[in-house]
Amino acid sequence: NKSFLFSVSGKQYICRIPGPGTELLINRRQEAAVYEAVKPLGITEYVIYFDSSSGYKISEYYEDARNSDAGNWTDVSRCMKLLKQVHQAGLSVDHRFDIREKIKFYENLCRTHGGIPFEDYDLIKNKMTELMDRLDQMNRPETLAHIDSVADNFLFLSDGTLRLIDWEYSGMCDPLIDVAMCAIYSYYNEEQTDRLIRIYLEQTPEKDELAAVYSYMALGGFLWSLWAVYKSHLGEEFGEYTLIMYRYAKRYYQRIQELIPSK
């Protein structure tokens, strides 16, 4: 998205303008429904105006706020606590974040806008399908999940409170997907990821919980690499991010094999 800062009567606000191609990627009516659902928690940015047709959004600007630091484990602990609050609040919306559906959607977008540049794509896609089939068999619970739990979307305000912003991709999903997305967005290695999982769960994870997080890390890397390929076809380059995400797909598929070998 593109955003700009402006002021009215001495108070500052941010206007978000959806970026090129986002009308294909984001359902703004669903986004508006999520903001309405989480409103009672008081944890999002304060939204002044939201156009569910165009996606234009005006929200309050927080002076002296800072983003979370993915390398600061005190910050990370507070962020995980906030995510868990969302997951345990019993909130629901009428739409899901279906990662199988999203992968298929982005794959089709890439194929119709210039193709997919990865030589081993078909092989890796088969591995991702295997992971999705395994997740289906695990019958994991679903809650409202943020999906875009990057450190930059957690704001520490000057009064010490914490906000979670930018709910564009949010929907009903396995809550552990938020832990996985946080890990890959932060470029965490396995040691850091394991620490993150323990912080979120507040206990040592069971094997199926580890398997779920690692699976979502692989699938998230695969999905966002396709997202970046599509955006590059529209003229927006993301540098090494595309390859980093694709490598997450490969590495964490292998990690699942080490944890729970295929039959």
C-alpha atoms as a PDB file:
ATOM      1  CA  ASN A   1       0.000   0.000   0.000  1.00  0.00           C
ATOM      2  CA  LYS A   2       0.865   3.660  -0.231  1.00  0.00           C
ATOM      3  CA  SER A   3       0.274   5.824   2.813  1.00  0.00           C
ATOM      4  CA  PHE A   4       0.626   9.494   3.627  1.00  0.00           C
ATOM      5  CA  LEU A   5       0.548  11.500   6.824  1.00  0.00           C
ATOM      6  CA  PHE A   6      -1.668  14.567   7.167  1.00  0.00           C
ATOM      7  CA  SER A   7      -3.053  16.735   9.945  1.00  0.00           C
ATOM      8  CA  VAL A   8      -6.410  18.296  10.769  1.00  0.00           C
ATOM      9  CA  SER A   9      -6.679  20.896  13.508  1.00  0.00           C
ATOM     10  CA  GLY A  10      -3.254  19.950  14.797  1.00  0.00           C
ATOM     11  CA  LYS A  11      -3.968  16.200  15.030  1.00  0.00           C
ATOM     12  CA  GLN A  12      -2.187  13.750  12.727  1.00  0.00           C
ATOM     13  CA  TYR A  13      -3.682  10.897  10.734  1.00  0.00           C
ATOM     14  CA  ILE A  14      -2.541   8.315   8.171  1.00  0.00           C
ATOM     15  CA  CYS A  15      -4.404   7.698   4.930  1.00  0.00           C
ATOM     16  CA  ARG A  16      -3.835   4.297   3.325  1.00  0.00           C
ATOM     17  CA  ILE A  17      -4.226   3.973  -0.426  1.00  0.00           C
ATOM     18  CA  PRO A  18      -4.210   0.384  -1.760  1.00  0.00           C
ATOM     19  CA  GLY A  19      -1.219  -0.367  -3.974  1.00  0.00           C
ATOM     20  CA  PRO A  20      -1.229  -1.675  -7.560  1.00  0.00           C
ATOM     21  CA  GLY A  21      -2.996  -4.984  -7.990  1.00  0.00           C
ATOM     22  CA  THR A  22      -4.219  -5.260  -4.413  1.00  0.00           C
ATOM     23  CA  GLU A  23      -7.838  -5.266  -5.552  1.00  0.00           C
ATOM     24  CA  LEU A  24      -7.155  -8.822  -6.734  1.00  0.00           C
ATOM     25  CA  LEU A  25      -5.455  -9.826  -3.493  1.00  0.00           C
ATOM     26  CA  ILE A  26      -7.484  -8.262  -0.691  1.00  0.00           C
ATOM     27  CA  ASN A  27     -11.217  -8.384  -0.019  1.00  0.00           C
ATOM     28  CA  ARG A  28     -11.807  -5.041   1.672  1.00  0.00           C
ATOM     29  CA  ARG A  29     -15.262  -5.990   2.910  1.00  0.00           C
ATOM     30  CA  GLN A  30     -13.708  -8.930   4.726  1.00  0.00           C
ATOM     31  CA  GLU A  31     -11.027  -6.641   6.149  1.00  0.00           C
ATOM     32  CA  ALA A  32     -13.723  -4.262   7.419  1.00  0.00           C
ATOM     33  CA  ALA A  33     -15.528  -7.202   9.046  1.00  0.00           C
ATOM     34  CA  VAL A  34     -12.339  -8.169  10.881  1.00  0.00           C
ATOM     35  CA  TYR A  35     -11.837  -4.654  12.232  1.00  0.00           C
ATOM     36  CA  GLU A  36     -15.417  -4.716  13.472  1.00  0.00           C
ATOM     37  CA  ALA A  37     -14.903  -8.122  15.107  1.00  0.00           C
ATOM     38  CA  VAL A  38     -11.739  -7.139  16.998  1.00  0.00           C
ATOM     39  CA  LYS A  39     -12.970  -3.659  17.943  1.00  0.00           C
ATOM     40  CA  PRO A  40     -14.121  -4.703  21.468  1.00  0.00           C
ATOM     41  CA  LEU A  41     -10.556  -5.763  22.304  1.00  0.00           C
ATOM     42  CA  GLY A  42      -9.211  -2.232  21.770  1.00  0.00           C
ATOM     43  CA  ILE A  43      -5.934  -3.510  20.341  1.00  0.00           C
ATOM     44  CA  THR A  44      -5.896  -2.128  16.779  1.00  0.00           C
ATOM     45  CA  GLU A  45      -5.041   1.279  15.424  1.00  0.00           C
ATOM     46  CA  TYR A  46      -7.941   3.717  15.876  1.00  0.00           C
ATOM     47  CA  VAL A  47      -9.730   3.746  12.523  1.00  0.00           C
ATOM     48  CA  ILE A  48     -11.464   7.016  11.634  1.00  0.00           C
ATOM     49  CA  TYR A  49     -12.737   6.020   8.205  1.00  0.00           C
ATOM     50  CA  PHE A  50     -12.811   2.815   6.179  1.00  0.00           C
ATOM     51  CA  ASP A  51     -14.189   2.471   2.644  1.00  0.00           C
ATOM     52  CA  SER A  52     -14.879  -1.230   2.150  1.00  0.00           C
ATOM     53  CA  SER A  53     -15.190  -0.748  -1.621  1.00  0.00           C
ATOM     54  CA  SER A  54     -11.961   1.124  -2.396  1.00  0.00           C
ATOM     55  CA  GLY A  55      -9.912   0.054   0.610  1.00  0.00           C
ATOM     56  CA  TYR A  56      -9.057   3.640   1.555  1.00  0.00           C
ATOM     57  CA  LYS A  57      -8.503   3.813   5.300  1.00  0.00           C
ATOM     58  CA  ILE A  58      -7.829   6.757   7.608  1.00  0.00           C
ATOM     59  CA  SER A  59      -6.495   6.025  11.055  1.00  0.00           C
ATOM     60  CA  GLU A  60      -5.021   7.948  13.943  1.00  0.00           C
ATOM     61  CA  TYR A  61      -1.255   8.517  13.882  1.00  0.00           C
ATOM     62  CA  TYR A  62       0.520   7.707  17.130  1.00  0.00           C
ATOM     63  CA  GLU A  63       3.259  10.178  18.046  1.00  0.00           C
ATOM     64  CA  ASP A  64       6.455   8.625  19.411  1.00  0.00           C
ATOM     65  CA  ALA A  65       5.275   5.057  18.733  1.00  0.00           C
ATOM     66  CA  ARG A  66       7.793   2.410  17.720  1.00  0.00           C
ATOM     67  CA  ASN A  67       7.636  -0.918  15.952  1.00  0.00           C
ATOM     68  CA  SER A  68       8.429  -4.152  17.733  1.00  0.00           C
ATOM     69  CA  ASP A  69      12.044  -5.300  17.573  1.00  0.00           C
ATOM     70  CA  ALA A  70      12.181  -8.931  16.417  1.00  0.00           C
ATOM     71  CA  GLY A  71      15.551  -9.296  18.145  1.00  0.00           C
ATOM     72  CA  ASN A  72      14.268  -8.072  21.503  1.00  0.00           C
ATOM     73  CA  TRP A  73      12.706 -11.037  23.291  1.00  0.00           C
ATOM     74  CA  THR A  74      10.890  -8.805  25.774  1.00  0.00           C
ATOM     75  CA  ASP A  75       9.142  -7.152  22.824  1.00  0.00           C
ATOM     76  CA  VAL A  76       8.502 -10.524  21.225  1.00  0.00           C
ATOM     77  CA  SER A  77       6.961 -11.916  24.421  1.00  0.00           C
ATOM     78  CA  ARG A  78       4.496  -9.044  24.610  1.00  0.00           C
ATOM     79  CA  CYS A  79       3.604  -9.483  20.931  1.00  0.00           C
ATOM     80  CA  MET A  80       2.962 -13.208  21.397  1.00  0.00           C
ATOM     81  CA  LYS A  81       0.820 -12.481  24.449  1.00  0.00           C
ATOM     82  CA  LEU A  82      -1.280 -10.078  22.381  1.00  0.00           C
ATOM     83  CA  LEU A  83      -1.667 -12.615  19.568  1.00  0.00           C
ATOM     84  CA  LYS A  84      -2.743 -15.226  22.088  1.00  0.00           C
ATOM     85  CA  GLN A  85      -5.309 -12.783  23.477  1.00  0.00           C
ATOM     86  CA  VAL A  86      -6.811 -12.484  19.992  1.00  0.00           C
ATOM     87  CA  HIS A  87      -6.795 -16.245  19.504  1.00  0.00           C
ATOM     88  CA  GLN A  88      -8.470 -16.919  22.842  1.00  0.00           C
ATOM     89  CA  ALA A  89     -11.093 -14.156  22.584  1.00  0.00           C
ATOM     90  CA  GLY A  90     -13.636 -16.371  20.834  1.00  0.00           C
ATOM     91  CA  LEU A  91     -13.988 -13.949  17.910  1.00  0.00           C
ATOM     92  CA  SER A  92     -15.162 -15.118  14.508  1.00  0.00           C
ATOM     93  CA  VAL A  93     -15.795 -13.809  11.013  1.00  0.00           C
ATOM     94  CA  ASP A  94     -17.506 -15.422   8.023  1.00  0.00           C
ATOM     95  CA  HIS A  95     -14.349 -15.976   5.961  1.00  0.00           C
ATOM     96  CA  ARG A  96     -11.289 -18.218   6.304  1.00  0.00           C
ATOM     97  CA  PHE A  97      -7.657 -17.820   5.404  1.00  0.00           C
ATOM     98  CA  ASP A  98      -7.334 -21.047   3.446  1.00  0.00           C
ATOM     99  CA  ILE A  99      -3.661 -21.454   2.615  1.00  0.00           C
ATOM    100  CA  ARG A 100      -4.341 -24.128  -0.023  1.00  0.00           C
ATOM    101  CA  GLU A 101      -6.751 -21.805  -1.779  1.00  0.00           C
ATOM    102  CA  LYS A 102      -4.342 -18.864  -1.474  1.00  0.00           C
ATOM    103  CA  ILE A 103      -1.439 -20.807  -2.975  1.00  0.00           C
ATOM    104  CA  LYS A 104      -3.579 -21.861  -5.924  1.00  0.00           C
ATOM    105  CA  PHE A 105      -4.790 -18.273  -6.363  1.00  0.00           C
ATOM    106  CA  TYR A 106      -1.304 -16.727  -6.373  1.00  0.00           C
ATOM    107  CA  GLU A 107       0.031 -19.492  -8.606  1.00  0.00           C
ATOM    108  CA  ASN A 108      -2.644 -18.703 -11.188  1.00  0.00           C
ATOM    109  CA  LEU A 109      -1.887 -14.979 -10.948  1.00  0.00           C
ATOM    110  CA  CYS A 110       1.803 -15.632 -11.557  1.00  0.00           C
ATOM    111  CA  ARG A 111       1.155 -17.912 -14.526  1.00  0.00           C
ATOM    112  CA  THR A 112      -1.092 -15.339 -16.193  1.00  0.00           C
ATOM    113  CA  HIS A 113       1.248 -12.387 -15.524  1.00  0.00           C
ATOM    114  CA  GLY A 114       4.627 -13.675 -16.654  1.00  0.00           C
ATOM    115  CA  GLY A 115       5.196 -17.109 -15.180  1.00  0.00           C
ATOM    116  CA  ILE A 116       7.019 -18.627 -12.196  1.00  0.00           C
ATOM    117  CA  PRO A 117      10.839 -18.422 -12.316  1.00  0.00           C
ATOM    118  CA  PHE A 118      11.754 -21.305  -9.973  1.00  0.00           C
ATOM    119  CA  GLU A 119      13.234 -24.270 -11.869  1.00  0.00           C
ATOM    120  CA  ASP A 120      12.190 -26.801  -9.219  1.00  0.00           C
ATOM    121  CA  TYR A 121       8.735 -25.303  -8.668  1.00  0.00           C
ATOM    122  CA  ASP A 122       6.732 -28.441  -9.489  1.00  0.00           C
ATOM    123  CA  LEU A 123       8.831 -30.542  -7.098  1.00  0.00           C
ATOM    124  CA  ILE A 124       8.468 -28.045  -4.259  1.00  0.00           C
ATOM    125  CA  LYS A 125       4.767 -27.610  -4.930  1.00  0.00           C
ATOM    126  CA  ASN A 126       4.269 -31.377  -4.532  1.00  0.00           C
ATOM    127  CA  LYS A 127       6.049 -31.187  -1.189  1.00  0.00           C
ATOM    128  CA  MET A 128       3.820 -28.306  -0.094  1.00  0.00           C
ATOM    129  CA  THR A 129       0.738 -30.309  -1.093  1.00  0.00           C
ATOM    130  CA  GLU A 130       1.996 -33.117   1.121  1.00  0.00           C
ATOM    131  CA  LEU A 131       2.271 -30.684   4.051  1.00  0.00           C
ATOM    132  CA  MET A 132      -1.243 -29.337   3.466  1.00  0.00           C
ATOM    133  CA  ASP A 133      -2.630 -32.876   3.371  1.00  0.00           C
ATOM    134  CA  ARG A 134      -0.909 -33.607   6.680  1.00  0.00           C
ATOM    135  CA  LEU A 135      -2.354 -30.471   8.252  1.00  0.00           C
ATOM    136  CA  ASP A 136      -5.834 -31.466   7.100  1.00  0.00           C
ATOM    137  CA  GLN A 137      -5.395 -34.830   8.821  1.00  0.00           C
ATOM    138  CA  MET A 138      -4.302 -33.106  12.055  1.00  0.00           C
ATOM    139  CA  ASN A 139      -7.680 -31.362  12.262  1.00  0.00           C
ATOM    140  CA  ARG A 140      -6.204 -28.320  13.970  1.00  0.00           C
ATOM    141  CA  PRO A 141      -8.531 -25.796  15.717  1.00  0.00           C
ATOM    142  CA  GLU A 142      -9.419 -22.504  14.043  1.00  0.00           C
ATOM    143  CA  THR A 143      -9.679 -19.025  15.540  1.00  0.00           C
ATOM    144  CA  LEU A 144      -9.479 -15.523  14.141  1.00  0.00           C
ATOM    145  CA  ALA A 145      -5.843 -15.181  13.024  1.00  0.00           C
ATOM    146  CA  HIS A 146      -3.975 -12.050  11.964  1.00  0.00           C
ATOM    147  CA  ILE A 147      -1.773 -13.785   9.318  1.00  0.00           C
ATOM    148  CA  ASP A 148       0.463 -10.719   8.747  1.00  0.00           C
ATOM    149  CA  SER A 149       2.153 -10.847  12.159  1.00  0.00           C
ATOM    150  CA  VAL A 150       5.345  -9.099  11.053  1.00  0.00           C
ATOM    151  CA  ALA A 151       7.195  -7.126  13.749  1.00  0.00           C
ATOM    152  CA  ASP A 152       6.377  -3.837  11.989  1.00  0.00           C
ATOM    153  CA  ASN A 153       2.661  -4.434  12.552  1.00  0.00           C
ATOM    154  CA  PHE A 154       3.092  -4.369  16.329  1.00  0.00           C
ATOM    155  CA  LEU A 155       3.198  -0.791  17.631  1.00  0.00           C
ATOM    156  CA  PHE A 156       4.448   0.102  21.099  1.00  0.00           C
ATOM    157  CA  LEU A 157       2.803   3.409  22.006  1.00  0.00           C
ATOM    158  CA  SER A 158       4.350   6.106  24.174  1.00  0.00           C
ATOM    159  CA  ASP A 159       1.994   5.202  27.037  1.00  0.00           C
ATOM    160  CA  GLY A 160       3.349   1.642  27.070  1.00  0.00           C
ATOM    161  CA  THR A 161       0.355  -0.015  25.426  1.00  0.00           C
ATOM    162  CA  LEU A 162       0.641  -2.278  22.396  1.00  0.00           C
ATOM    163  CA  ARG A 163      -1.365  -2.212  19.184  1.00  0.00           C
ATOM    164  CA  LEU A 164      -1.604  -4.725  16.323  1.00  0.00           C
ATOM    165  CA  ILE A 165      -2.303  -3.043  12.988  1.00  0.00           C
ATOM    166  CA  ASP A 166      -2.958  -3.991   9.341  1.00  0.00           C
ATOM    167  CA  TRP A 167      -5.504  -6.824   9.354  1.00  0.00           C
ATOM    168  CA  GLU A 168      -5.774  -7.138   5.558  1.00  0.00           C
ATOM    169  CA  TYR A 169      -5.124 -10.879   5.365  1.00  0.00           C
ATOM    170  CA  SER A 170      -6.891 -11.843   8.577  1.00  0.00           C
ATOM    171  CA  GLY A 171      -9.443 -14.656   8.683  1.00  0.00           C
ATOM    172  CA  MET A 172     -10.323 -17.859  10.477  1.00  0.00           C
ATOM    173  CA  CYS A 173      -7.343 -20.195  10.602  1.00  0.00           C
ATOM    174  CA  ASP A 174      -5.163 -22.314  12.847  1.00  0.00           C
ATOM    175  CA  PRO A 175      -3.809 -19.856  15.463  1.00  0.00           C
ATOM    176  CA  LEU A 176      -0.320 -21.363  15.139  1.00  0.00           C
ATOM    177  CA  ILE A 177      -0.079 -19.865  11.654  1.00  0.00           C
ATOM    178  CA  ASP A 178       0.503 -16.487  13.331  1.00  0.00           C
ATOM    179  CA  VAL A 179       3.525 -17.874  15.183  1.00  0.00           C
ATOM    180  CA  ALA A 180       4.894 -19.300  11.941  1.00  0.00           C
ATOM    181  CA  MET A 181       4.370 -16.091   9.989  1.00  0.00           C
ATOM    182  CA  CYS A 182       6.034 -14.056  12.729  1.00  0.00           C
ATOM    183  CA  ALA A 183       9.052 -16.374  12.507  1.00  0.00           C
ATOM    184  CA  ILE A 184       9.523 -16.175   8.744  1.00  0.00           C
ATOM    185  CA  TYR A 185       8.861 -12.431   8.576  1.00  0.00           C
ATOM    186  CA  SER A 186      11.576 -11.988  11.211  1.00  0.00           C
ATOM    187  CA  TYR A 187      13.968 -14.250   9.236  1.00  0.00           C
ATOM    188  CA  TYR A 188      14.352 -16.436  12.329  1.00  0.00           C
ATOM    189  CA  ASN A 189      16.561 -19.510  12.311  1.00  0.00           C
ATOM    190  CA  GLU A 190      15.453 -22.772  13.937  1.00  0.00           C
ATOM    191  CA  GLU A 191      16.799 -21.928  17.389  1.00  0.00           C
ATOM    192  CA  GLN A 192      14.965 -18.595  17.378  1.00  0.00           C
ATOM    193  CA  THR A 193      11.820 -20.218  16.014  1.00  0.00           C
ATOM    194  CA  ASP A 194      11.803 -22.854  18.745  1.00  0.00           C
ATOM    195  CA  ARG A 195      12.152 -20.112  21.333  1.00  0.00           C
ATOM    196  CA  LEU A 196       9.276 -18.197  19.748  1.00  0.00           C
ATOM    197  CA  ILE A 197       7.028 -21.275  19.880  1.00  0.00           C
ATOM    198  CA  ARG A 198       7.800 -21.819  23.567  1.00  0.00           C
ATOM    199  CA  ILE A 199       7.060 -18.165  24.328  1.00  0.00           C
ATOM    200  CA  TYR A 200       3.690 -18.321  22.591  1.00  0.00           C
ATOM    201  CA  LEU A 201       2.622 -21.639  24.105  1.00  0.00           C
ATOM    202  CA  GLU A 202       4.128 -20.807  27.527  1.00  0.00           C
ATOM    203  CA  GLN A 203       5.301 -24.396  27.710  1.00  0.00           C
ATOM    204  CA  THR A 204       7.332 -26.976  25.831  1.00  0.00           C
ATOM    205  CA  PRO A 205       5.517 -27.750  22.553  1.00  0.00           C
ATOM    206  CA  GLU A 206       4.118 -31.143  21.669  1.00  0.00           C
ATOM    207  CA  LYS A 207       5.407 -32.784  18.488  1.00  0.00           C
ATOM    208  CA  ASP A 208       2.185 -32.004  16.593  1.00  0.00           C
ATOM    209  CA  GLU A 209       2.424 -28.328  17.584  1.00  0.00           C
ATOM    210  CA  LEU A 210       5.995 -28.154  16.297  1.00  0.00           C
ATOM    211  CA  ALA A 211       4.907 -29.926  13.126  1.00  0.00           C
ATOM    212  CA  ALA A 212       2.078 -27.437  12.611  1.00  0.00           C
ATOM    213  CA  VAL A 213       4.306 -24.380  13.047  1.00  0.00           C
ATOM    214  CA  TYR A 214       7.064 -25.765  10.804  1.00  0.00           C
ATOM    215  CA  SER A 215       4.476 -26.693   8.170  1.00  0.00           C
ATOM    216  CA  TYR A 216       3.021 -23.189   8.172  1.00  0.00           C
ATOM    217  CA  MET A 217       6.531 -21.747   7.924  1.00  0.00           C
ATOM    218  CA  ALA A 218       7.199 -23.805   4.813  1.00  0.00           C
ATOM    219  CA  LEU A 219       3.794 -23.029   3.333  1.00  0.00           C
ATOM    220  CA  GLY A 220       4.035 -19.357   4.258  1.00  0.00           C
ATOM    221  CA  GLY A 221       7.425 -19.098   2.597  1.00  0.00           C
ATOM    222  CA  PHE A 222       6.029 -20.770  -0.508  1.00  0.00           C
ATOM    223  CA  LEU A 223       2.949 -18.543  -0.568  1.00  0.00           C
ATOM    224  CA  TRP A 224       4.775 -15.254  -0.054  1.00  0.00           C
ATOM    225  CA  SER A 225       7.414 -16.149  -2.648  1.00  0.00           C
ATOM    226  CA  LEU A 226       4.553 -16.465  -5.163  1.00  0.00           C
ATOM    227  CA  TRP A 227       3.129 -13.172  -3.884  1.00  0.00           C
ATOM    228  CA  ALA A 228       6.494 -11.481  -4.478  1.00  0.00           C
ATOM    229  CA  VAL A 229       6.803 -13.000  -7.964  1.00  0.00           C
ATOM    230  CA  TYR A 230       3.370 -11.658  -8.872  1.00  0.00           C
ATOM    231  CA  LYS A 231       4.194  -8.207  -7.495  1.00  0.00           C
ATOM    232  CA  SER A 232       7.447  -8.197  -9.484  1.00  0.00           C
ATOM    233  CA  HIS A 233       5.419  -8.780 -12.638  1.00  0.00           C
ATOM    234  CA  LEU A 234       3.583  -5.558 -11.730  1.00  0.00           C
ATOM    235  CA  GLY A 235       6.875  -3.675 -11.457  1.00  0.00           C
ATOM    236  CA  GLU A 236       7.472  -3.876  -7.694  1.00  0.00           C
ATOM    237  CA  GLU A 237      10.708  -5.675  -6.811  1.00  0.00           C
ATOM    238  CA  PHE A 238      11.407  -7.257  -3.420  1.00  0.00           C
ATOM    239  CA  GLY A 239      15.037  -8.221  -3.921  1.00  0.00           C
ATOM    240  CA  GLU A 240      16.259 -11.253  -2.005  1.00  0.00           C
ATOM    241  CA  TYR A 241      12.996 -11.489  -0.047  1.00  0.00           C
ATOM    242  CA  THR A 242      11.532 -13.701  -2.790  1.00  0.00           C
ATOM    243  CA  LEU A 243      14.345 -16.250  -2.543  1.00  0.00           C
ATOM    244  CA  ILE A 244      14.451 -16.113   1.256  1.00  0.00           C
ATOM    245  CA  MET A 245      10.772 -17.055   1.387  1.00  0.00           C
ATOM    246  CA  TYR A 246      11.214 -19.823  -1.186  1.00  0.00           C
ATOM    247  CA  ARG A 247      14.096 -21.237   0.843  1.00  0.00           C
ATOM    248  CA  TYR A 248      11.870 -21.340   3.918  1.00  0.00           C
ATOM    249  CA  ALA A 249       9.563 -23.640   1.969  1.00  0.00           C
ATOM    250  CA  LYS A 250      12.432 -26.020   1.234  1.00  0.00           C
ATOM    251  CA  ARG A 251      14.149 -25.882   4.625  1.00  0.00           C
ATOM    252  CA  TYR A 252      11.068 -26.388   6.762  1.00  0.00           C
ATOM    253  CA  TYR A 253       9.713 -29.150   4.591  1.00  0.00           C
ATOM    254  CA  GLN A 254      12.985 -30.897   5.388  1.00  0.00           C
ATOM    255  CA  ARG A 255      12.552 -30.046   9.080  1.00  0.00           C
ATOM    256  CA  ILE A 256       9.137 -31.750   9.039  1.00  0.00           C
ATOM    257  CA  GLN A 257      10.731 -34.822   7.465  1.00  0.00           C
ATOM    258  CA  GLU A 258      13.238 -34.924  10.294  1.00  0.00           C
ATOM    259  CA  LEU A 259      10.468 -34.559  12.878  1.00  0.00           C
ATOM    260  CA  ILE A 260       7.824 -36.802  11.303  1.00  0.00           C
ATOM    261  CA  PRO A 261       9.180 -38.786   8.316  1.00  0.00           C
ATOM    262  CA  SER A 262       6.805 -39.501   5.435  1.00  0.00           C
ATOM    263  CA  LYS A 263       5.341 -42.989   5.418  1.00  0.00           C
END
